């Protein structure tokens, strides 16, 4: 019988020791932070991290089981968006990730629920770096009070290494995918998503160089002149600003074709000579307002296409952009130019 009481004593001592270590030496919280520098602007990295449909692509859990089932709900991106997944792979299991706070190009805060294993708080903090963006990704959790508290503290020892590994894997994948994007900063783009109705307009087809500004201006002036004469002859009233619809863009030949004209009101002329009548583009589109010299529009277009790629937004098949000229500056005041750029979307 003495051996039995001795065993009970040993168990009590070990249990007491484990309790004392857990209670007084092990932290009540789990906190892990990993960082990486990504050679892309903050706006691009934020776009890849603020939409859970994109996050799925570089998530360490997705890498473990690409065949897992995912369901998304809430907003399209940012705070309120939720991602649920179900996997037969034990390391992935079932879980849910929800964005609870989103500060554009700066911070994203989420709650990560790993089935019945753990609930973690995550914070991704983006700061400028010499060669792009420094991404600090933190995961934290606090052990609940009660009987579960001490076992939770020991579990944190195991979880810490697992979380560190997962964060490193996710950041490495985020870096790889982000650095496949154009190295263009579109933070100041301010795009809008709208749906447009078609308008009848008179236009002149124009083909010119997309590299020579003088040729482009000359072709534009000739096309606008043809349209003005036709509208005057047929007493047509403009119902909107000038529209320039791209129909072809040939990089190999450095040529572009577009239609330049004006929407009009009133009956359509029965006879059309020298110009054509059609409808302006319509449907879902992205709109960006360019302010400043026309020579700087290449930069605006580069930002638009970088924005679309980073946000995984798909253009309409064979869709080409069009422009609406709100104000046209001159040599004395090129900053007065204001042009709306529209890109057709699926």
Protein backbone atom coordinates (compact mmCIF):
# COMPACT_ATOMS: atom_id res chain seq x y z
CA UNK A 1 0.00 0.00 0.00
CA UNK A 2 2.96 2.29 0.70
CA UNK A 3 3.97 2.17 -2.95
CA UNK A 4 0.51 3.35 -3.93
CA UNK A 5 0.66 6.36 -1.65
CA UNK A 6 4.18 6.98 -2.91
CA UNK A 7 2.89 6.99 -6.50
CA UNK A 8 0.12 9.38 -5.55
CA UNK A 9 2.70 11.64 -3.91
CA UNK A 10 4.93 11.59 -7.00
CA UNK A 11 1.98 12.39 -9.25
CA UNK A 12 0.93 15.21 -6.95
CA UNK A 13 4.45 16.64 -6.89
CA UNK A 14 4.77 16.45 -10.69
CA UNK A 15 1.31 17.93 -11.19
CA UNK A 16 2.08 20.67 -8.72
CA UNK A 17 5.36 21.38 -10.45
CA UNK A 18 3.72 21.53 -13.84
CA UNK A 19 1.04 23.81 -12.46
CA UNK A 20 3.62 26.10 -10.84
CA UNK A 21 5.69 26.28 -14.02
CA UNK A 22 2.62 26.98 -16.11
CA UNK A 23 1.12 29.46 -13.67
CA UNK A 24 4.22 31.47 -12.81
CA UNK A 25 6.74 30.92 -15.62
CA UNK A 26 4.77 30.47 -18.83
CA UNK A 27 3.14 33.55 -20.38
CA UNK A 28 -0.64 33.80 -20.53
CA UNK A 29 -0.49 35.07 -24.08
CA UNK A 30 0.79 33.85 -27.41
CA UNK A 31 2.52 36.51 -29.49
CA UNK A 32 4.49 35.91 -32.68
CA UNK A 33 5.62 38.47 -35.27
CA UNK A 34 7.39 37.76 -38.54
CA UNK A 35 8.40 40.27 -41.20
CA UNK A 36 9.44 40.45 -44.84
CA UNK A 37 10.35 43.17 -47.32
CA UNK A 38 8.41 43.03 -50.58
CA UNK A 39 9.74 44.89 -53.62
CA UNK A 40 6.43 46.53 -54.49
CA UNK A 41 4.56 49.66 -53.31
CA UNK A 42 2.28 49.44 -50.27
CA UNK A 43 -0.87 49.83 -52.38
CA UNK A 44 -0.06 46.64 -54.29
CA UNK A 45 0.73 44.61 -51.17
CA UNK A 46 -2.39 45.95 -49.44
CA UNK A 47 -4.55 44.91 -52.42
CA UNK A 48 -3.15 41.37 -52.17
CA UNK A 49 -3.87 41.25 -48.43
CA UNK A 50 -7.21 43.04 -48.05
CA UNK A 51 -9.29 40.65 -50.16
CA UNK A 52 -9.62 37.14 -48.71
CA UNK A 53 -10.23 35.70 -52.17
CA UNK A 54 -6.67 36.80 -52.98
CA UNK A 55 -5.34 35.96 -49.50
CA UNK A 56 -6.42 32.39 -50.16
CA UNK A 57 -3.83 32.21 -52.95
CA UNK A 58 -0.88 32.86 -50.64
CA UNK A 59 -2.29 31.44 -47.40
CA UNK A 60 -0.05 28.72 -45.88
CA UNK A 61 -3.18 26.58 -45.43
CA UNK A 62 -4.03 26.82 -49.12
CA UNK A 63 -0.53 25.63 -49.97
CA UNK A 64 -1.04 22.55 -47.78
CA UNK A 65 -4.32 21.64 -49.49
CA UNK A 66 -5.21 23.48 -52.74
CA UNK A 67 -8.29 21.22 -53.03
CA UNK A 68 -9.90 22.49 -49.83
CA UNK A 69 -13.39 23.98 -50.16
CA UNK A 70 -13.70 27.74 -49.62
CA UNK A 71 -16.79 29.86 -49.07
CA UNK A 72 -16.71 33.68 -48.96
CA UNK A 73 -19.28 36.01 -47.47
CA UNK A 74 -19.72 39.62 -46.44
CA UNK A 75 -18.22 42.54 -48.33
CA UNK A 76 -16.14 42.15 -51.49
CA UNK A 77 -13.00 43.09 -49.57
CA UNK A 78 -11.90 44.74 -46.35
CA UNK A 79 -13.71 44.83 -43.01
CA UNK A 80 -16.72 42.52 -42.97
CA UNK A 81 -15.37 39.94 -45.41
CA UNK A 82 -15.21 36.33 -44.19
CA UNK A 83 -13.58 33.20 -45.58
CA UNK A 84 -14.46 29.67 -44.43
CA UNK A 85 -12.61 26.54 -45.46
CA UNK A 86 -13.03 22.80 -45.08
CA UNK A 87 -10.21 20.31 -45.70
CA UNK A 88 -9.56 16.60 -45.24
CA UNK A 89 -5.91 17.40 -44.54
CA UNK A 90 -5.39 17.28 -40.78
CA UNK A 91 -3.02 20.26 -40.65
CA UNK A 92 -5.61 22.41 -42.45
CA UNK A 93 -8.90 21.12 -41.03
CA UNK A 94 -11.81 23.54 -40.81
CA UNK A 95 -11.52 27.22 -40.10
CA UNK A 96 -12.70 30.75 -40.62
CA UNK A 97 -10.91 34.04 -41.21
CA UNK A 98 -12.67 37.41 -40.85
CA UNK A 99 -11.37 40.91 -41.53
CA UNK A 100 -12.49 43.13 -38.64
CA UNK A 101 -10.53 46.30 -39.39
CA UNK A 102 -8.85 47.68 -42.49
CA UNK A 103 -6.84 50.88 -42.82
CA UNK A 104 -6.01 51.49 -46.51
CA UNK A 105 -2.36 50.74 -47.32
CA UNK A 106 -1.45 50.56 -43.62
CA UNK A 107 -3.07 47.84 -41.48
CA UNK A 108 -5.37 44.83 -41.69
CA UNK A 109 -6.72 43.16 -38.55
CA UNK A 110 -8.36 39.74 -38.68
CA UNK A 111 -9.70 36.99 -36.44
CA UNK A 112 -8.52 33.48 -37.32
CA UNK A 113 -10.56 30.56 -35.98
CA UNK A 114 -8.87 27.19 -36.43
CA UNK A 115 -11.85 24.93 -35.85
CA UNK A 116 -12.02 24.03 -32.16
CA UNK A 117 -8.25 24.23 -31.77
CA UNK A 118 -7.66 27.95 -31.28
CA UNK A 119 -8.88 31.46 -31.96
CA UNK A 120 -6.15 33.88 -32.93
CA UNK A 121 -5.95 37.62 -33.56
CA UNK A 122 -3.77 38.69 -36.49
CA UNK A 123 -2.46 42.08 -37.53
CA UNK A 124 -0.64 42.91 -40.75
CA UNK A 125 1.20 46.24 -40.62
CA UNK A 126 2.62 47.82 -43.81
CA UNK A 127 5.34 50.46 -43.75
CA UNK A 128 7.45 51.95 -46.56
CA UNK A 129 10.89 50.44 -47.08
CA UNK A 130 13.81 51.50 -49.26
CA UNK A 131 13.07 48.72 -51.73
CA UNK A 132 9.29 48.56 -51.40
CA UNK A 133 7.15 47.60 -48.42
CA UNK A 134 8.00 46.14 -45.04
CA UNK A 135 5.28 43.71 -43.96
CA UNK A 136 5.06 42.83 -40.26
CA UNK A 137 2.55 40.04 -39.64
CA UNK A 138 1.63 39.37 -36.01
CA UNK A 139 -0.47 36.66 -34.39
CA UNK A 140 -1.64 36.82 -30.78
CA UNK A 141 -3.98 35.01 -28.42
CA UNK A 142 -4.79 35.05 -24.71
CA UNK A 143 -5.55 32.01 -22.59
CA UNK A 144 -8.98 32.02 -20.98
CA UNK A 145 -9.39 31.87 -17.22
CA UNK A 146 -10.44 28.71 -15.42
CA UNK A 147 -9.33 25.11 -15.70
CA UNK A 148 -8.20 25.51 -19.28
CA UNK A 149 -5.73 28.27 -18.45
CA UNK A 150 -2.67 26.17 -17.51
CA UNK A 151 -3.03 23.61 -20.34
CA UNK A 152 -3.46 26.56 -22.72
CA UNK A 153 -0.16 28.04 -21.60
CA UNK A 154 1.64 24.78 -22.39
CA UNK A 155 -0.16 24.59 -25.73
CA UNK A 156 1.22 28.02 -26.55
CA UNK A 157 4.73 26.52 -26.47
CA UNK A 158 3.74 24.14 -29.27
CA UNK A 159 1.65 26.71 -31.12
CA UNK A 160 4.44 29.29 -31.17
CA UNK A 161 6.68 27.22 -33.43
CA UNK A 162 3.75 26.27 -35.68
CA UNK A 163 2.59 29.88 -36.03
CA UNK A 164 6.13 31.06 -36.78
CA UNK A 165 6.42 28.46 -39.54
CA UNK A 166 3.03 29.36 -41.03
CA UNK A 167 3.72 33.09 -41.00
CA UNK A 168 7.07 32.62 -42.74
CA UNK A 169 5.47 30.41 -45.40
CA UNK A 170 2.63 32.87 -45.99
CA UNK A 171 4.93 35.89 -46.23
CA UNK A 172 7.21 34.09 -48.68
CA UNK A 173 4.25 33.27 -50.92
CA UNK A 174 2.86 36.83 -50.60
CA UNK A 175 6.25 38.20 -51.62
CA UNK A 176 6.41 35.91 -54.67
CA UNK A 177 2.92 36.79 -55.92
CA UNK A 178 3.21 40.52 -55.17
CA UNK A 179 6.50 40.84 -57.01
CA UNK A 180 4.85 39.40 -60.13
CA UNK A 181 2.75 42.58 -60.30
CA UNK A 182 3.86 45.75 -62.15
CA UNK A 183 6.10 47.90 -59.97
CA UNK A 184 3.69 50.86 -60.14
CA UNK A 185 2.31 52.83 -57.19
CA UNK A 186 -1.43 53.42 -57.68
CA UNK A 187 -2.18 54.67 -54.15
CA UNK A 188 -3.52 58.02 -55.47
CA UNK A 189 -5.66 56.56 -58.27
CA UNK A 190 -9.15 56.91 -56.66
CA UNK A 191 -11.05 54.63 -59.07
CA UNK A 192 -14.84 54.30 -59.22
CA UNK A 193 -16.96 51.38 -60.39
CA UNK A 194 -20.03 52.39 -62.37
CA UNK A 195 -22.53 51.06 -64.89
CA UNK A 196 -23.14 53.15 -68.01
CA UNK A 197 -26.02 53.35 -70.47
CA UNK A 198 -25.22 53.75 -74.20
CA UNK A 199 -25.63 57.10 -75.96
CA UNK A 200 -25.97 57.86 -79.66
CA UNK A 201 -22.93 59.74 -80.95
CA UNK A 202 -21.42 61.01 -84.16
CA UNK A 203 -17.81 59.98 -84.61
CA UNK A 204 -14.93 59.99 -87.03
CA UNK A 205 -12.60 56.94 -87.21
CA UNK A 206 -8.96 57.89 -86.69
CA UNK A 207 -5.75 55.87 -87.07
CA UNK A 208 -2.48 57.41 -85.95
CA UNK A 209 0.82 56.79 -84.16
CA UNK A 210 0.60 56.05 -80.45
CA UNK A 211 4.14 57.34 -79.96
CA UNK A 212 4.14 60.71 -81.77
CA UNK A 213 2.11 63.37 -79.95
CA UNK A 214 2.11 65.76 -82.92
CA UNK A 215 0.63 63.12 -85.23
CA UNK A 216 -1.93 62.22 -82.60
CA UNK A 217 -2.98 65.85 -82.13
CA UNK A 218 -3.21 66.39 -85.90
CA UNK A 219 -5.37 63.28 -86.38
CA UNK A 220 -7.61 64.32 -83.48
CA UNK A 221 -8.10 67.81 -84.87
CA UNK A 222 -9.01 66.46 -88.28
CA UNK A 223 -11.49 63.96 -86.83
CA UNK A 224 -13.12 66.53 -84.54
CA UNK A 225 -13.34 68.96 -87.46
CA UNK A 226 -15.19 66.40 -89.59
CA UNK A 227 -17.65 65.74 -86.77
CA UNK A 228 -18.20 69.46 -86.08
CA UNK A 229 -19.00 70.17 -89.73
CA UNK A 230 -21.45 67.26 -89.94
CA UNK A 231 -23.24 68.27 -86.74
CA UNK A 232 -23.51 71.88 -87.92
CA UNK A 233 -24.86 70.86 -91.33
CA UNK A 234 -27.48 68.60 -89.74
CA UNK A 235 -28.35 70.93 -86.83
CA UNK A 236 -27.39 68.27 -84.26
CA UNK A 237 -27.09 69.38 -80.63
CA UNK A 238 -24.28 68.04 -78.47
CA UNK A 239 -25.59 66.22 -75.42
CA UNK A 240 -22.25 65.53 -73.76
CA UNK A 241 -18.49 66.15 -73.89
CA UNK A 242 -16.12 64.74 -76.49
CA UNK A 243 -15.71 60.95 -76.48
CA UNK A 244 -12.66 59.04 -77.68
CA UNK A 245 -13.20 55.28 -77.98
CA UNK A 246 -10.14 53.10 -78.62
CA UNK A 247 -10.82 50.36 -81.18
CA UNK A 248 -7.32 48.97 -81.76
CA UNK A 249 -3.92 49.26 -80.09
CA UNK A 250 -1.01 47.78 -82.04
CA UNK A 251 2.21 47.84 -80.02
CA UNK A 252 4.26 46.21 -82.76
CA UNK A 253 3.36 48.87 -85.33
CA UNK A 254 3.12 51.69 -82.76
CA UNK A 255 -0.34 52.52 -84.05
CA UNK A 256 -3.72 53.09 -82.50
CA UNK A 257 -7.21 53.43 -83.93
CA UNK A 258 -10.04 55.20 -82.16
CA UNK A 259 -13.33 56.97 -82.72
CA UNK A 260 -13.61 60.62 -81.75
CA UNK A 261 -16.96 62.37 -81.61
CA UNK A 262 -19.84 63.74 -79.56
CA UNK A 263 -23.11 62.39 -78.17
CA UNK A 264 -26.09 64.18 -79.68
CA UNK A 265 -29.78 64.67 -79.10
CA UNK A 266 -32.53 64.74 -81.67
CA UNK A 267 -33.42 62.55 -84.68
CA UNK A 268 -30.66 60.57 -86.38
CA UNK A 269 -29.83 61.99 -89.85
CA UNK A 270 -30.98 59.82 -92.74
CA UNK A 271 -27.79 60.42 -94.73
CA UNK A 272 -24.34 60.12 -93.17
CA UNK A 273 -21.28 61.20 -95.18
CA UNK A 274 -17.67 61.42 -93.98
CA UNK A 275 -18.50 60.36 -90.42
CA UNK A 276 -20.38 57.53 -88.72
CA UNK A 277 -23.11 57.22 -86.10
CA UNK A 278 -23.09 54.62 -83.36
CA UNK A 279 -23.43 54.14 -79.61
CA UNK A 280 -20.94 54.95 -76.90
CA UNK A 281 -19.59 51.99 -74.85
CA UNK A 282 -21.82 50.85 -72.02
CA UNK A 283 -22.01 48.38 -69.15
CA UNK A 284 -19.85 47.93 -66.06
CA UNK A 285 -16.66 49.96 -66.09
CA UNK A 286 -13.90 51.40 -63.95
CA UNK A 287 -13.62 55.19 -64.10
CA UNK A 288 -10.57 57.26 -63.26
CA UNK A 289 -10.24 61.03 -63.67
CA UNK A 290 -6.93 62.23 -65.09
CA UNK A 291 -6.01 65.80 -64.18
CA UNK A 292 -3.02 67.39 -65.84
CA UNK A 293 -1.13 67.38 -69.16
CA UNK A 294 -2.14 64.76 -71.70
CA UNK A 295 1.52 63.69 -71.90
CA UNK A 296 1.15 62.30 -68.36
CA UNK A 297 -1.75 60.03 -69.26
CA UNK A 298 0.61 57.10 -69.88
CA UNK A 299 1.38 57.18 -66.17
CA UNK A 300 -2.32 57.20 -65.31
CA UNK A 301 -2.98 54.25 -67.61
CA UNK A 302 -0.06 52.35 -66.04
CA UNK A 303 -1.60 52.90 -62.60
CA UNK A 304 -5.00 51.71 -63.83
CA UNK A 305 -3.66 48.45 -65.23
CA UNK A 306 -1.51 47.85 -62.14
CA UNK A 307 -4.59 48.42 -59.96
CA UNK A 308 -6.63 45.94 -61.99
CA UNK A 309 -3.94 43.26 -61.77
CA UNK A 310 -3.36 43.69 -58.04
CA UNK A 311 -7.08 43.45 -57.27
CA UNK A 312 -7.63 40.54 -59.69
CA UNK A 313 -10.24 42.58 -61.59
CA UNK A 314 -10.92 41.17 -65.05
CA UNK A 315 -11.44 43.41 -68.07
CA UNK A 316 -14.18 42.63 -70.54
CA UNK A 317 -12.96 40.31 -73.26
CA UNK A 318 -11.37 42.35 -76.06
CA UNK A 319 -12.40 45.45 -74.13
CA UNK A 320 -10.43 48.61 -74.81
CA UNK A 321 -10.58 51.85 -72.81
CA UNK A 322 -12.35 55.03 -73.82
CA UNK A 323 -12.03 58.64 -72.74
CA UNK A 324 -14.42 61.50 -72.08
CA UNK A 325 -12.80 64.94 -72.35
CA UNK A 326 -14.23 67.17 -69.62
CA UNK A 327 -11.74 70.01 -70.18
CA UNK A 328 -8.84 70.40 -72.59
CA UNK A 329 -5.89 72.51 -71.52
CA UNK A 330 -3.48 74.28 -73.82
CA UNK A 331 0.22 75.05 -73.90
CA UNK A 332 -0.27 77.98 -71.55
CA UNK A 333 -2.24 75.93 -69.03
CA UNK A 334 -1.81 72.15 -69.55
CA UNK A 335 -2.91 71.50 -65.96
CA UNK A 336 -6.45 72.48 -66.97
CA UNK A 337 -6.85 69.18 -68.85
CA UNK A 338 -9.38 66.86 -67.23
CA UNK A 339 -10.16 63.53 -68.88
CA UNK A 340 -12.27 60.65 -67.60
CA UNK A 341 -10.79 57.26 -68.46
CA UNK A 342 -13.12 54.26 -68.60
CA UNK A 343 -12.07 50.61 -68.68
CA UNK A 344 -14.75 47.99 -69.50
CA UNK A 345 -15.06 45.21 -66.92
CA UNK A 346 -16.64 41.80 -66.87
